[in-house]
């Protein structure tokens, strides 16, 4: 899989529409440059109608990368989104 680097900015979030999410078992999340002190980057997901964010994981300068399991394939709400 290719890295995803093109995001849409909505308010204070960077957003990417993930097609066929049930086939995505994990997401590698990493920083390209340092964040300000005491700041973290958080990885969330949401499904339509996008009312709630579900936490997946976070990274920061002290842990600038990680691999997060999505469990999307086990989530019937996410599975119903596959095109």
Protein backbone atom coordinates (compact mmCIF):
# COMPACT_ATOMS: atom_id res chain seq x y z
CA UNK A 1 0.00 0.00 0.00
CA UNK A 2 1.18 3.50 -0.80
CA UNK A 3 1.50 6.19 1.85
CA UNK A 4 -1.36 8.64 2.17
CA UNK A 5 -0.07 12.20 2.26
CA UNK A 6 -2.90 14.22 0.70
CA UNK A 7 -5.45 15.28 3.31
CA UNK A 8 -8.32 17.75 3.34
CA UNK A 9 -8.22 20.27 6.18
CA UNK A 10 -11.55 20.69 7.97
CA UNK A 11 -11.37 23.06 10.93
CA UNK A 12 -8.42 21.81 13.02
CA UNK A 13 -8.41 18.31 11.52
CA UNK A 14 -6.71 16.72 8.52
CA UNK A 15 -9.19 14.32 6.89
CA UNK A 16 -8.88 11.45 4.43
CA UNK A 17 -11.74 9.34 3.02
CA UNK A 18 -10.73 5.71 3.25
CA UNK A 19 -12.36 3.52 0.59
CA UNK A 20 -13.12 -0.12 1.44
CA UNK A 21 -12.06 0.31 5.07
CA UNK A 22 -12.80 -3.28 6.08
CA UNK A 23 -9.66 -4.43 4.21
CA UNK A 24 -7.44 -2.08 6.25
CA UNK A 25 -6.21 -4.08 9.24
CA UNK A 26 -3.59 -1.61 10.46
CA UNK A 27 -2.42 1.96 9.96
CA UNK A 28 1.17 3.14 10.31
CA UNK A 29 1.19 6.69 11.67
CA UNK A 30 4.39 8.74 11.93
CA UNK A 31 5.70 12.28 12.24
CA UNK A 32 7.77 13.87 9.49
CA UNK A 33 8.96 16.60 11.85
CA UNK A 34 8.83 17.34 15.56
CA UNK A 35 5.70 18.72 17.20
CA UNK A 36 5.68 21.55 19.75
CA UNK A 37 6.35 20.37 23.32
CA UNK A 38 3.38 18.75 25.10
CA UNK A 39 1.47 18.24 21.82
CA UNK A 40 0.41 14.93 20.28
CA UNK A 41 -1.07 13.91 16.94
CA UNK A 42 -4.22 11.81 17.36
CA UNK A 43 -5.59 9.28 14.89
CA UNK A 44 -9.40 8.92 14.90
CA UNK A 45 -12.03 7.59 12.56
CA UNK A 46 -15.66 8.43 12.01
CA UNK A 47 -18.44 6.95 9.91
CA UNK A 48 -21.40 8.78 8.33
CA UNK A 49 -23.09 10.95 9.54
CA UNK A 50 -19.74 11.87 11.19
CA UNK A 51 -21.20 12.82 14.58
CA UNK A 52 -18.58 11.06 16.74
CA UNK A 53 -14.85 10.42 16.52
CA UNK A 54 -13.50 7.02 17.55
CA UNK A 55 -9.96 7.02 18.95
CA UNK A 56 -7.41 4.72 17.29
CA UNK A 57 -4.11 5.98 18.73
CA UNK A 58 -1.69 8.86 19.19
CA UNK A 59 1.93 9.73 18.55
CA UNK A 60 4.20 12.46 19.92
CA UNK A 61 7.85 13.46 19.95
CA UNK A 62 8.58 10.82 22.59
CA UNK A 63 7.02 8.15 20.34
CA UNK A 64 7.07 9.56 16.79
CA UNK A 65 5.63 6.50 15.06
CA UNK A 66 3.45 3.50 15.73
CA UNK A 67 1.37 0.85 13.99
CA UNK A 68 -2.27 0.77 15.07
CA UNK A 69 -4.69 -2.11 14.57
CA UNK A 70 -8.01 -0.82 13.19
CA UNK A 71 -10.25 -3.87 13.67
CA UNK A 72 -12.36 -2.37 10.86
CA UNK A 73 -13.00 -5.85 9.46
CA UNK A 74 -14.74 -6.82 12.72
CA UNK A 75 -16.91 -3.69 12.87
CA UNK A 76 -20.29 -4.16 11.10
CA UNK A 77 -20.82 -0.38 10.90
CA UNK A 78 -17.53 0.04 9.03
CA UNK A 79 -18.13 -3.03 6.84
CA UNK A 80 -21.39 -1.53 5.60
CA UNK A 81 -19.36 1.34 4.05
CA UNK A 82 -17.39 -0.82 1.59
CA UNK A 83 -18.15 0.09 -1.99
